């Protein structure tokens, strides 16, 4: 068994992705606990500020879940799974799952931001509108990607059937 440059690079890459994934998972769990601690502390000191603290806690949890899912995706795709994607279908499903998590996080963050700014800072409404517009553009882009990918997969499967 010979050690090649590619095998060393692959092991270093897997170790880097594994380390980064574990760090991201730990940080996302820490963010959830921070959001809960901040919410409880705020409610213990002032019920009046509870609404804002609740919205902030929701933001923290949504961001933490998105970060955790990104870390899980890296762990599954770059560390655990040692082979390349076998088919375009596998690649499309994996990417769709990943992008969907990001889309959901952006939509929820945009909605939370709408509630936050609409009460007292309506002049800052462009930030949440930008988040919601960005999420919408990503959804539309994902739809185009899905359509093109499915068409390509269908063409490839017809070509395989006709070549037999």
C-alpha atoms as a PDB file:
ATOM      1  CA  UNK A   1       0.000   0.000   0.000  1.00  0.00           C
ATOM      2  CA  UNK A   2       1.599   3.209  -1.138  1.00  0.00           C
ATOM      3  CA  UNK A   3       0.885   6.602   0.303  1.00  0.00           C
ATOM      4  CA  UNK A   4       0.078   9.116  -2.393  1.00  0.00           C
ATOM      5  CA  UNK A   5      -0.298  12.850  -2.353  1.00  0.00           C
ATOM      6  CA  UNK A   6      -4.013  12.430  -3.094  1.00  0.00           C
ATOM      7  CA  UNK A   7      -4.587  10.050  -0.174  1.00  0.00           C
ATOM      8  CA  UNK A   8      -2.806  12.405   2.243  1.00  0.00           C
ATOM      9  CA  UNK A   9      -4.762  15.373   0.910  1.00  0.00           C
ATOM     10  CA  UNK A  10      -8.019  13.432   1.258  1.00  0.00           C
ATOM     11  CA  UNK A  11      -7.230  12.502   4.884  1.00  0.00           C
ATOM     12  CA  UNK A  12      -6.255  16.071   5.778  1.00  0.00           C
ATOM     13  CA  UNK A  13      -9.399  17.376   4.092  1.00  0.00           C
ATOM     14  CA  UNK A  14     -11.599  14.888   5.963  1.00  0.00           C
ATOM     15  CA  UNK A  15      -9.905  15.803   9.261  1.00  0.00           C
ATOM     16  CA  UNK A  16     -10.399  19.527   8.605  1.00  0.00           C
ATOM     17  CA  UNK A  17     -14.058  19.081   7.700  1.00  0.00           C
ATOM     18  CA  UNK A  18     -14.576  16.798  10.694  1.00  0.00           C
ATOM     19  CA  UNK A  19     -12.972  19.274  13.100  1.00  0.00           C
ATOM     20  CA  UNK A  20     -14.880  22.219  11.642  1.00  0.00           C
ATOM     21  CA  UNK A  21     -18.146  20.271  11.754  1.00  0.00           C
ATOM     22  CA  UNK A  22     -17.704  19.342  15.413  1.00  0.00           C
ATOM     23  CA  UNK A  23     -16.837  22.949  16.271  1.00  0.00           C
ATOM     24  CA  UNK A  24     -19.892  24.256  14.414  1.00  0.00           C
ATOM     25  CA  UNK A  25     -22.137  21.726  16.164  1.00  0.00           C
ATOM     26  CA  UNK A  26     -20.774  22.702  19.578  1.00  0.00           C
ATOM     27  CA  UNK A  27     -21.153  26.417  18.823  1.00  0.00           C
ATOM     28  CA  UNK A  28     -24.717  25.952  17.610  1.00  0.00           C
ATOM     29  CA  UNK A  29     -25.643  24.094  20.799  1.00  0.00           C
ATOM     30  CA  UNK A  30     -23.982  26.878  22.787  1.00  0.00           C
ATOM     31  CA  UNK A  31     -26.048  29.455  20.883  1.00  0.00           C
ATOM     32  CA  UNK A  32     -29.260  27.633  21.798  1.00  0.00           C
ATOM     33  CA  UNK A  33     -28.305  27.593  25.477  1.00  0.00           C
ATOM     34  CA  UNK A  34     -27.311  31.251  25.297  1.00  0.00           C
ATOM     35  CA  UNK A  35     -30.683  32.164  23.778  1.00  0.00           C
ATOM     36  CA  UNK A  36     -32.535  30.255  26.483  1.00  0.00           C
ATOM     37  CA  UNK A  37     -30.383  31.735  29.258  1.00  0.00           C
ATOM     38  CA  UNK A  38     -30.866  35.259  27.886  1.00  0.00           C
ATOM     39  CA  UNK A  39     -34.641  34.727  27.652  1.00  0.00           C
ATOM     40  CA  UNK A  40     -34.921  33.394  31.209  1.00  0.00           C
ATOM     41  CA  UNK A  41     -32.707  36.169  32.597  1.00  0.00           C
ATOM     42  CA  UNK A  42     -34.736  38.838  30.805  1.00  0.00           C
ATOM     43  CA  UNK A  43     -38.052  37.400  32.002  1.00  0.00           C
ATOM     44  CA  UNK A  44     -36.757  37.269  35.576  1.00  0.00           C
ATOM     45  CA  UNK A  45     -35.787  40.942  35.460  1.00  0.00           C
ATOM     46  CA  UNK A  46     -38.509  42.497  33.273  1.00  0.00           C
ATOM     47  CA  UNK A  47     -41.680  41.030  31.813  1.00  0.00           C
ATOM     48  CA  UNK A  48     -41.933  44.113  29.614  1.00  0.00           C
ATOM     49  CA  UNK A  49     -38.781  43.162  27.724  1.00  0.00           C
ATOM     50  CA  UNK A  50     -39.892  39.527  27.435  1.00  0.00           C
ATOM     51  CA  UNK A  51     -41.374  39.864  23.944  1.00  0.00           C
ATOM     52  CA  UNK A  52     -38.121  41.155  22.474  1.00  0.00           C
ATOM     53  CA  UNK A  53     -36.113  38.522  24.330  1.00  0.00           C
ATOM     54  CA  UNK A  54     -38.457  35.826  23.033  1.00  0.00           C
ATOM     55  CA  UNK A  55     -38.012  36.977  19.435  1.00  0.00           C
ATOM     56  CA  UNK A  56     -34.243  37.102  19.951  1.00  0.00           C
ATOM     57  CA  UNK A  57     -34.279  33.579  21.420  1.00  0.00           C
ATOM     58  CA  UNK A  58     -36.211  32.354  18.371  1.00  0.00           C
ATOM     59  CA  UNK A  59     -33.591  33.962  16.115  1.00  0.00           C
ATOM     60  CA  UNK A  60     -30.792  32.273  18.055  1.00  0.00           C
ATOM     61  CA  UNK A  61     -32.447  28.874  17.852  1.00  0.00           C
ATOM     62  CA  UNK A  62     -33.182  29.208  14.119  1.00  0.00           C
ATOM     63  CA  UNK A  63     -29.627  30.278  13.371  1.00  0.00           C
ATOM     64  CA  UNK A  64     -28.266  27.496  15.592  1.00  0.00           C
ATOM     65  CA  UNK A  65     -30.345  24.863  13.825  1.00  0.00           C
ATOM     66  CA  UNK A  66     -29.205  26.116  10.422  1.00  0.00           C
ATOM     67  CA  UNK A  67     -25.553  26.082  11.537  1.00  0.00           C
ATOM     68  CA  UNK A  68     -25.975  22.606  13.044  1.00  0.00           C
ATOM     69  CA  UNK A  69     -27.524  21.336   9.820  1.00  0.00           C
ATOM     70  CA  UNK A  70     -24.675  22.805   7.778  1.00  0.00           C
ATOM     71  CA  UNK A  71     -22.202  21.055  10.095  1.00  0.00           C
ATOM     72  CA  UNK A  72     -24.150  17.800   9.781  1.00  0.00           C
ATOM     73  CA  UNK A  73     -24.144  18.154   5.998  1.00  0.00           C
ATOM     74  CA  UNK A  74     -20.358  18.635   5.959  1.00  0.00           C
ATOM     75  CA  UNK A  75     -19.893  15.683   8.293  1.00  0.00           C
ATOM     76  CA  UNK A  76     -22.078  13.400   6.170  1.00  0.00           C
ATOM     77  CA  UNK A  77     -20.809  14.531   2.783  1.00  0.00           C
ATOM     78  CA  UNK A  78     -17.130  15.229   3.417  1.00  0.00           C
ATOM     79  CA  UNK A  79     -16.135  13.065   6.389  1.00  0.00           C
ATOM     80  CA  UNK A  80     -18.344   9.976   6.685  1.00  0.00           C
ATOM     81  CA  UNK A  81     -19.087   9.408   3.030  1.00  0.00           C
ATOM     82  CA  UNK A  82     -15.742   8.521   1.532  1.00  0.00           C
ATOM     83  CA  UNK A  83     -16.926   8.017  -2.032  1.00  0.00           C
ATOM     84  CA  UNK A  84     -17.987  10.560  -4.601  1.00  0.00           C
ATOM     85  CA  UNK A  85     -21.627  10.884  -5.560  1.00  0.00           C
ATOM     86  CA  UNK A  86     -22.515   8.003  -7.818  1.00  0.00           C
ATOM     87  CA  UNK A  87     -25.366   9.618  -9.671  1.00  0.00           C
ATOM     88  CA  UNK A  88     -26.717  13.063 -10.456  1.00  0.00           C
ATOM     89  CA  UNK A  89     -29.850  12.064  -8.501  1.00  0.00           C
ATOM     90  CA  UNK A  90     -27.837  11.572  -5.287  1.00  0.00           C
ATOM     91  CA  UNK A  91     -26.070  14.891  -5.763  1.00  0.00           C
ATOM     92  CA  UNK A  92     -29.346  16.703  -6.474  1.00  0.00           C
ATOM     93  CA  UNK A  93     -31.109  15.248  -3.429  1.00  0.00           C
ATOM     94  CA  UNK A  94     -28.202  16.057  -1.153  1.00  0.00           C
ATOM     95  CA  UNK A  95     -27.878  19.643  -2.386  1.00  0.00           C
ATOM     96  CA  UNK A  96     -31.650  20.154  -2.242  1.00  0.00           C
ATOM     97  CA  UNK A  97     -31.772  19.036   1.381  1.00  0.00           C
ATOM     98  CA  UNK A  98     -28.919  21.379   2.276  1.00  0.00           C
ATOM     99  CA  UNK A  99     -30.334  24.421   0.448  1.00  0.00           C
ATOM    100  CA  UNK A 100     -33.818  23.798   1.862  1.00  0.00           C
ATOM    101  CA  UNK A 101     -32.464  24.092   5.401  1.00  0.00           C
ATOM    102  CA  UNK A 102     -30.826  27.399   4.529  1.00  0.00           C
ATOM    103  CA  UNK A 103     -34.025  28.674   2.894  1.00  0.00           C
ATOM    104  CA  UNK A 104     -36.117  27.819   5.951  1.00  0.00           C
ATOM    105  CA  UNK A 105     -33.643  29.566   8.246  1.00  0.00           C
ATOM    106  CA  UNK A 106     -33.640  32.712   6.092  1.00  0.00           C
ATOM    107  CA  UNK A 107     -37.446  32.812   5.926  1.00  0.00           C
ATOM    108  CA  UNK A 108     -37.825  32.382   9.680  1.00  0.00           C
ATOM    109  CA  UNK A 109     -35.143  34.970  10.395  1.00  0.00           C
ATOM    110  CA  UNK A 110     -36.877  37.363   7.982  1.00  0.00           C
ATOM    111  CA  UNK A 111     -40.228  36.864   9.687  1.00  0.00           C
ATOM    112  CA  UNK A 112     -38.733  37.363  13.136  1.00  0.00           C
ATOM    113  CA  UNK A 113     -37.021  40.522  11.885  1.00  0.00           C
ATOM    114  CA  UNK A 114     -40.328  41.816  10.516  1.00  0.00           C
ATOM    115  CA  UNK A 115     -41.875  41.463  13.973  1.00  0.00           C
ATOM    116  CA  UNK A 116     -38.874  43.113  15.612  1.00  0.00           C
ATOM    117  CA  UNK A 117     -38.699  46.195  13.395  1.00  0.00           C
ATOM    118  CA  UNK A 118     -42.388  46.698  12.699  1.00  0.00           C
ATOM    119  CA  UNK A 119     -43.121  47.618  16.300  1.00  0.00           C
ATOM    120  CA  UNK A 120     -40.691  50.469  16.850  1.00  0.00           C
ATOM    121  CA  UNK A 121     -38.251  50.820  13.955  1.00  0.00           C
ATOM    122  CA  UNK A 122     -40.364  50.683  10.812  1.00  0.00           C
ATOM    123  CA  UNK A 123     -37.696  52.631   8.898  1.00  0.00           C
ATOM    124  CA  UNK A 124     -35.484  49.521   9.192  1.00  0.00           C
ATOM    125  CA  UNK A 125     -38.029  47.292   7.416  1.00  0.00           C
ATOM    126  CA  UNK A 126     -35.771  46.997   4.358  1.00  0.00           C
ATOM    127  CA  UNK A 127     -33.511  44.478   6.113  1.00  0.00           C
ATOM    128  CA  UNK A 128     -36.312  41.938   6.733  1.00  0.00           C
ATOM    129  CA  UNK A 129     -37.717  42.599   3.277  1.00  0.00           C
ATOM    130  CA  UNK A 130     -34.264  41.899   1.871  1.00  0.00           C
ATOM    131  CA  UNK A 131     -34.071  38.616   3.793  1.00  0.00           C
ATOM    132  CA  UNK A 132     -37.487  37.504   2.560  1.00  0.00           C
ATOM    133  CA  UNK A 133     -36.674  38.547  -1.024  1.00  0.00           C
ATOM    134  CA  UNK A 134     -33.356  36.691  -0.841  1.00  0.00           C
ATOM    135  CA  UNK A 135     -35.073  33.547   0.412  1.00  0.00           C
ATOM    136  CA  UNK A 136     -37.607  33.827  -2.400  1.00  0.00           C
ATOM    137  CA  UNK A 137     -34.835  34.168  -5.005  1.00  0.00           C
ATOM    138  CA  UNK A 138     -33.100  31.100  -3.539  1.00  0.00           C
ATOM    139  CA  UNK A 139     -36.371  29.108  -3.727  1.00  0.00           C
ATOM    140  CA  UNK A 140     -36.829  30.114  -7.358  1.00  0.00           C
ATOM    141  CA  UNK A 141     -33.192  29.273  -8.119  1.00  0.00           C
ATOM    142  CA  UNK A 142     -33.612  25.885  -6.467  1.00  0.00           C
ATOM    143  CA  UNK A 143     -36.707  25.270  -8.597  1.00  0.00           C
ATOM    144  CA  UNK A 144     -34.764  26.069 -11.779  1.00  0.00           C
ATOM    145  CA  UNK A 145     -31.909  23.827 -10.627  1.00  0.00           C
ATOM    146  CA  UNK A 146     -34.360  21.004  -9.876  1.00  0.00           C
ATOM    147  CA  UNK A 147     -35.994  21.347 -13.272  1.00  0.00           C
ATOM    148  CA  UNK A 148     -32.697  21.342 -15.159  1.00  0.00           C
ATOM    149  CA  UNK A 149     -31.331  18.461 -13.078  1.00  0.00           C
ATOM    150  CA  UNK A 150     -34.405  16.286 -13.542  1.00  0.00           C
ATOM    151  CA  UNK A 151     -34.378  16.946 -17.294  1.00  0.00           C
ATOM    152  CA  UNK A 152     -30.682  16.001 -17.413  1.00  0.00           C
ATOM    153  CA  UNK A 153     -31.288  12.845 -15.366  1.00  0.00           C
ATOM    154  CA  UNK A 154     -34.146  11.860 -17.684  1.00  0.00           C
ATOM    155  CA  UNK A 155     -31.981  12.431 -20.784  1.00  0.00           C
ATOM    156  CA  UNK A 156     -29.162  10.353 -19.289  1.00  0.00           C
ATOM    157  CA  UNK A 157     -31.499   7.495 -18.395  1.00  0.00           C
ATOM    158  CA  UNK A 158     -33.051   7.535 -21.912  1.00  0.00           C
ATOM    159  CA  UNK A 159     -29.549   7.503 -23.428  1.00  0.00           C
ATOM    160  CA  UNK A 160     -28.600   4.500 -21.300  1.00  0.00           C
ATOM    161  CA  UNK A 161     -31.783   2.640 -22.279  1.00  0.00           C
ATOM    162  CA  UNK A 162     -31.278   3.395 -25.991  1.00  0.00           C
ATOM    163  CA  UNK A 163     -27.623   2.315 -25.913  1.00  0.00           C
ATOM    164  CA  UNK A 164     -28.520  -1.161 -24.636  1.00  0.00           C
END
